[in-house]
């Protein structure tokens, strides 16, 4: 599991995405393609893991969910985004 302090995250990344499912990875991909420093923190427990395939996603009908996520992680990394394994225990606002 990754361990980051808020200072480390704020100095290294413009955006921290909590959750590496399809939506989180898609958001991170768009940011990384726009050359924004982004990290995805994911616990690796996707809700759709038991599904046999992805349905209703253009171009990916029937694709195993784990393969979709691995492709997404690879795309984010290709654009120099980071994807790390970890849990987020707390998020707080530091200023107004």
N, C-alpha and C. Protein backbone atom coordinates (compact mmCIF):
# COMPACT_ATOMS: atom_id res chain seq x y z
N UNK A 1 0.83 -1.19 0.00
CA UNK A 1 0.00 0.00 0.00
C UNK A 1 0.87 1.25 0.00
N UNK A 2 0.44 2.23 -0.73
CA UNK A 2 1.16 3.49 -0.78
C UNK A 2 0.85 4.32 0.45
N UNK A 3 1.83 5.06 0.91
CA UNK A 3 1.64 5.97 2.03
C UNK A 3 2.12 7.35 1.61
N UNK A 4 1.20 8.29 1.55
CA UNK A 4 1.50 9.65 1.15
C UNK A 4 1.04 10.60 2.24
N UNK A 5 1.78 11.66 2.42
CA UNK A 5 1.30 12.75 3.26
C UNK A 5 0.61 13.75 2.35
N UNK A 6 -0.21 14.61 2.92
CA UNK A 6 -0.89 15.61 2.10
C UNK A 6 0.11 16.53 1.43
N UNK A 7 1.22 16.84 2.09
CA UNK A 7 2.25 17.68 1.48
C UNK A 7 2.85 17.01 0.25
N UNK A 8 3.14 15.72 0.35
CA UNK A 8 3.71 14.99 -0.80
C UNK A 8 2.75 14.99 -1.97
N UNK A 9 1.46 14.77 -1.69
CA UNK A 9 0.48 14.76 -2.77
C UNK A 9 0.32 16.13 -3.40
N UNK A 10 0.24 17.18 -2.58
CA UNK A 10 0.02 18.51 -3.12
C UNK A 10 1.23 19.03 -3.88
N UNK A 11 2.42 18.58 -3.53
CA UNK A 11 3.62 19.02 -4.23
C UNK A 11 3.82 18.26 -5.54
N UNK A 12 3.38 17.01 -5.61
CA UNK A 12 3.64 16.18 -6.79
C UNK A 12 2.50 16.18 -7.81
N UNK A 13 1.27 16.43 -7.36
CA UNK A 13 0.11 16.25 -8.24
C UNK A 13 -0.84 17.43 -8.18
N UNK A 14 -1.44 17.74 -9.32
CA UNK A 14 -2.52 18.71 -9.35
C UNK A 14 -3.83 18.08 -8.91
N UNK A 15 -3.98 16.77 -9.21
CA UNK A 15 -5.23 16.06 -8.93
C UNK A 15 -4.94 14.70 -8.34
N UNK A 16 -5.70 14.33 -7.31
CA UNK A 16 -5.67 12.99 -6.73
C UNK A 16 -7.04 12.38 -6.97
N UNK A 17 -7.09 11.26 -7.68
CA UNK A 17 -8.34 10.55 -7.94
C UNK A 17 -8.41 9.38 -6.96
N UNK A 18 -9.49 9.33 -6.19
CA UNK A 18 -9.68 8.25 -5.24
C UNK A 18 -10.61 7.23 -5.87
N UNK A 19 -10.07 6.07 -6.19
CA UNK A 19 -10.85 5.00 -6.81
C UNK A 19 -10.44 4.80 -8.26
N UNK A 20 -9.97 3.60 -8.56
CA UNK A 20 -9.48 3.30 -9.90
C UNK A 20 -10.42 2.44 -10.70
N UNK A 21 -11.72 2.68 -10.57
CA UNK A 21 -12.68 2.01 -11.43
C UNK A 21 -12.69 2.69 -12.79
N UNK A 22 -13.63 2.31 -13.63
CA UNK A 22 -13.70 2.86 -14.98
C UNK A 22 -13.84 4.38 -14.97
N UNK A 23 -14.67 4.93 -14.09
CA UNK A 23 -14.89 6.38 -14.05
C UNK A 23 -13.64 7.11 -13.56
N UNK A 24 -13.03 6.62 -12.49
CA UNK A 24 -11.83 7.27 -11.97
C UNK A 24 -10.68 7.23 -12.96
N UNK A 25 -10.49 6.09 -13.61
CA UNK A 25 -9.43 5.97 -14.60
C UNK A 25 -9.70 6.85 -15.82
N UNK A 26 -10.96 6.95 -16.22
CA UNK A 26 -11.29 7.80 -17.36
C UNK A 26 -10.99 9.27 -17.05
N UNK A 27 -11.37 9.71 -15.85
CA UNK A 27 -11.06 11.08 -15.46
C UNK A 27 -9.57 11.32 -15.41
N UNK A 28 -8.84 10.38 -14.83
CA UNK A 28 -7.38 10.51 -14.75
C UNK A 28 -6.75 10.51 -16.13
N UNK A 29 -7.27 9.70 -17.04
CA UNK A 29 -6.74 9.64 -18.40
C UNK A 29 -6.88 11.00 -19.09
N UNK A 30 -8.05 11.60 -18.97
CA UNK A 30 -8.26 12.90 -19.62
C UNK A 30 -7.34 13.96 -19.03
N UNK A 31 -7.14 13.94 -17.73
CA UNK A 31 -6.22 14.88 -17.10
C UNK A 31 -4.78 14.63 -17.53
N UNK A 32 -4.37 13.36 -17.54
CA UNK A 32 -3.00 13.02 -17.93
C UNK A 32 -2.74 13.39 -19.39
N UNK A 33 -3.73 13.18 -20.24
CA UNK A 33 -3.57 13.56 -21.65
C UNK A 33 -3.45 15.06 -21.81
N UNK A 34 -3.98 15.80 -20.84
CA UNK A 34 -3.87 17.26 -20.84
C UNK A 34 -2.62 17.73 -20.11
N UNK A 35 -1.74 16.77 -19.83
CA UNK A 35 -0.46 17.03 -19.17
C UNK A 35 -0.61 17.59 -17.75
N UNK A 36 -1.66 17.15 -17.05
CA UNK A 36 -1.85 17.52 -15.65
C UNK A 36 -1.28 16.40 -14.80
N UNK A 37 -0.47 16.72 -13.80
CA UNK A 37 0.04 15.68 -12.90
C UNK A 37 -1.11 15.07 -12.09
N UNK A 38 -1.35 13.79 -12.28
CA UNK A 38 -2.48 13.11 -11.63
C UNK A 38 -2.04 11.77 -11.08
N UNK A 39 -2.61 11.41 -9.93
CA UNK A 39 -2.40 10.09 -9.35
C UNK A 39 -3.76 9.48 -9.03
N UNK A 40 -3.89 8.19 -9.28
CA UNK A 40 -5.08 7.43 -8.92
C UNK A 40 -4.69 6.54 -7.75
N UNK A 41 -5.44 6.62 -6.67
CA UNK A 41 -5.23 5.73 -5.52
C UNK A 41 -6.39 4.75 -5.50
N UNK A 42 -6.06 3.47 -5.60
CA UNK A 42 -7.10 2.44 -5.73
C UNK A 42 -6.80 1.26 -4.81
N UNK A 43 -7.83 0.81 -4.10
CA UNK A 43 -7.68 -0.32 -3.18
C UNK A 43 -7.72 -1.66 -3.90
N UNK A 44 -8.09 -1.68 -5.18
CA UNK A 44 -8.08 -2.91 -5.95
C UNK A 44 -9.24 -3.85 -5.64
N UNK A 45 -10.37 -3.28 -5.25
CA UNK A 45 -11.56 -4.09 -4.96
C UNK A 45 -12.74 -3.60 -5.80
N UNK A 46 -12.68 -3.82 -7.13
CA UNK A 46 -13.74 -3.30 -7.99
C UNK A 46 -15.09 -3.96 -7.71
N UNK A 47 -16.13 -3.15 -7.74
CA UNK A 47 -17.48 -3.65 -7.47
C UNK A 47 -17.97 -4.60 -8.55
N UNK A 48 -17.44 -4.47 -9.77
CA UNK A 48 -17.92 -5.33 -10.86
C UNK A 48 -17.04 -6.56 -11.06
N UNK A 49 -16.17 -6.85 -10.11
CA UNK A 49 -15.26 -8.00 -10.25
C UNK A 49 -15.98 -9.32 -10.54
N UNK A 50 -17.14 -9.58 -9.92
CA UNK A 50 -17.81 -10.86 -10.20
C UNK A 50 -18.45 -10.96 -11.58
N UNK A 51 -18.61 -9.83 -12.28
CA UNK A 51 -19.26 -9.85 -13.59
C UNK A 51 -18.42 -10.60 -14.61
N UNK A 52 -19.11 -11.27 -15.52
CA UNK A 52 -18.41 -11.99 -16.58
C UNK A 52 -17.87 -11.06 -17.65
N UNK A 53 -18.54 -9.93 -17.84
CA UNK A 53 -18.11 -9.01 -18.89
C UNK A 53 -18.71 -7.64 -18.69
N UNK A 54 -18.12 -6.68 -19.36
CA UNK A 54 -18.61 -5.30 -19.36
C UNK A 54 -19.69 -5.20 -20.42
N UNK A 55 -20.78 -4.51 -20.10
CA UNK A 55 -21.89 -4.36 -21.05
C UNK A 55 -22.28 -2.90 -21.15
N UNK A 56 -22.60 -2.48 -22.36
CA UNK A 56 -23.08 -1.13 -22.58
C UNK A 56 -21.96 -0.10 -22.68
N UNK A 57 -20.73 -0.52 -22.85
CA UNK A 57 -19.61 0.40 -23.01
C UNK A 57 -19.12 0.26 -24.44
N UNK A 58 -19.31 1.28 -25.23
CA UNK A 58 -19.01 1.27 -26.65
C UNK A 58 -17.64 0.69 -26.94
N UNK A 59 -17.59 -0.32 -27.77
CA UNK A 59 -16.33 -0.92 -28.19
C UNK A 59 -15.75 -1.95 -27.25
N UNK A 60 -16.42 -2.20 -26.12
CA UNK A 60 -15.88 -3.13 -25.13
C UNK A 60 -16.91 -4.15 -24.64
N UNK A 61 -17.93 -4.38 -25.40
CA UNK A 61 -18.98 -5.32 -25.00
C UNK A 61 -18.40 -6.70 -24.70
N UNK A 62 -18.67 -7.19 -23.49
CA UNK A 62 -18.24 -8.52 -23.09
C UNK A 62 -16.81 -8.61 -22.57
N UNK A 63 -16.06 -7.53 -22.60
CA UNK A 63 -14.69 -7.53 -22.11
C UNK A 63 -14.68 -7.81 -20.61
N UNK A 64 -13.83 -8.72 -20.13
CA UNK A 64 -13.76 -8.97 -18.69
C UNK A 64 -13.42 -7.68 -17.93
N UNK A 65 -14.11 -7.39 -16.82
CA UNK A 65 -13.87 -6.15 -16.07
C UNK A 65 -12.40 -5.94 -15.68
N UNK A 66 -11.71 -6.99 -15.28
CA UNK A 66 -10.31 -6.84 -14.88
C UNK A 66 -9.45 -6.38 -16.05
N UNK A 67 -9.77 -6.86 -17.26
CA UNK A 67 -9.01 -6.45 -18.44
C UNK A 67 -9.28 -4.99 -18.78
N UNK A 68 -10.53 -4.54 -18.63
CA UNK A 68 -10.85 -3.13 -18.86
C UNK A 68 -10.05 -2.24 -17.92
N UNK A 69 -9.98 -2.61 -16.63
CA UNK A 69 -9.25 -1.81 -15.67
C UNK A 69 -7.75 -1.81 -15.96
N UNK A 70 -7.21 -2.95 -16.36
CA UNK A 70 -5.78 -3.00 -16.67
C UNK A 70 -5.46 -2.15 -17.90
N UNK A 71 -6.33 -2.18 -18.88
CA UNK A 71 -6.13 -1.33 -20.06
C UNK A 71 -6.18 0.15 -19.65
N UNK A 72 -7.13 0.48 -18.78
CA UNK A 72 -7.24 1.85 -18.31
C UNK A 72 -6.02 2.31 -17.54
N UNK A 73 -5.50 1.45 -16.65
CA UNK A 73 -4.28 1.79 -15.91
C UNK A 73 -3.11 2.01 -16.86
N UNK A 74 -2.99 1.15 -17.86
CA UNK A 74 -1.90 1.28 -18.83
C UNK A 74 -2.01 2.59 -19.62
N UNK A 75 -3.23 2.98 -19.98
CA UNK A 75 -3.40 4.23 -20.72
C UNK A 75 -3.03 5.43 -19.86
N UNK A 76 -3.45 5.43 -18.60
CA UNK A 76 -3.10 6.54 -17.70
C UNK A 76 -1.58 6.62 -17.54
N UNK A 77 -0.95 5.49 -17.34
CA UNK A 77 0.52 5.47 -17.18
C UNK A 77 1.23 5.90 -18.46
N UNK A 78 0.67 5.55 -19.61
CA UNK A 78 1.26 5.94 -20.89
C UNK A 78 1.38 7.46 -20.98
N UNK A 79 0.41 8.17 -20.42
CA UNK A 79 0.43 9.63 -20.44
C UNK A 79 1.06 10.21 -19.17
N UNK A 80 1.86 9.43 -18.50
CA UNK A 80 2.65 9.82 -17.34
C UNK A 80 1.79 10.15 -16.12
N UNK A 81 0.61 9.54 -16.02
CA UNK A 81 -0.15 9.59 -14.78
C UNK A 81 0.33 8.43 -13.92
N UNK A 82 0.06 8.50 -12.64
CA UNK A 82 0.44 7.43 -11.72
C UNK A 82 -0.80 6.71 -11.22
N UNK A 83 -0.70 5.41 -11.06
CA UNK A 83 -1.75 4.59 -10.46
C UNK A 83 -1.08 3.80 -9.35
N UNK A 84 -1.55 3.98 -8.12
CA UNK A 84 -0.94 3.30 -6.98
C UNK A 84 -1.99 2.53 -6.20
N UNK A 85 -1.54 1.49 -5.54
CA UNK A 85 -2.41 0.68 -4.70
C UNK A 85 -2.46 1.32 -3.32
N UNK A 86 -3.66 1.50 -2.79
CA UNK A 86 -3.78 2.07 -1.46
C UNK A 86 -5.21 2.35 -1.08
N UNK A 87 -5.42 2.60 0.18
CA UNK A 87 -6.71 3.00 0.73
C UNK A 87 -6.61 4.46 1.16
N UNK A 88 -7.68 5.18 1.03
CA UNK A 88 -7.73 6.55 1.54
C UNK A 88 -8.54 6.52 2.83
N UNK A 89 -7.87 6.86 3.92
CA UNK A 89 -8.50 6.78 5.23
C UNK A 89 -9.22 8.07 5.60
N UNK A 90 -8.74 9.21 5.09
CA UNK A 90 -9.31 10.47 5.52
C UNK A 90 -8.98 11.55 4.49
N UNK A 91 -9.93 12.44 4.27
CA UNK A 91 -9.72 13.60 3.43
C UNK A 91 -10.25 14.79 4.20
N UNK A 92 -9.41 15.82 4.34
CA UNK A 92 -9.84 17.02 5.05
C UNK A 92 -9.50 18.26 4.24
N UNK A 93 -10.28 19.29 4.48
CA UNK A 93 -10.04 20.58 3.83
C UNK A 93 -9.14 21.40 4.74
N UNK A 94 -8.07 21.96 4.18
CA UNK A 94 -7.09 22.67 5.00
C UNK A 94 -7.33 24.17 5.05
N UNK A 95 -8.02 24.71 4.07
CA UNK A 95 -8.28 26.16 4.08
C UNK A 95 -9.65 26.42 3.51
N UNK A 96 -10.02 27.70 3.48
CA UNK A 96 -11.34 28.06 2.96
C UNK A 96 -11.34 28.08 1.46
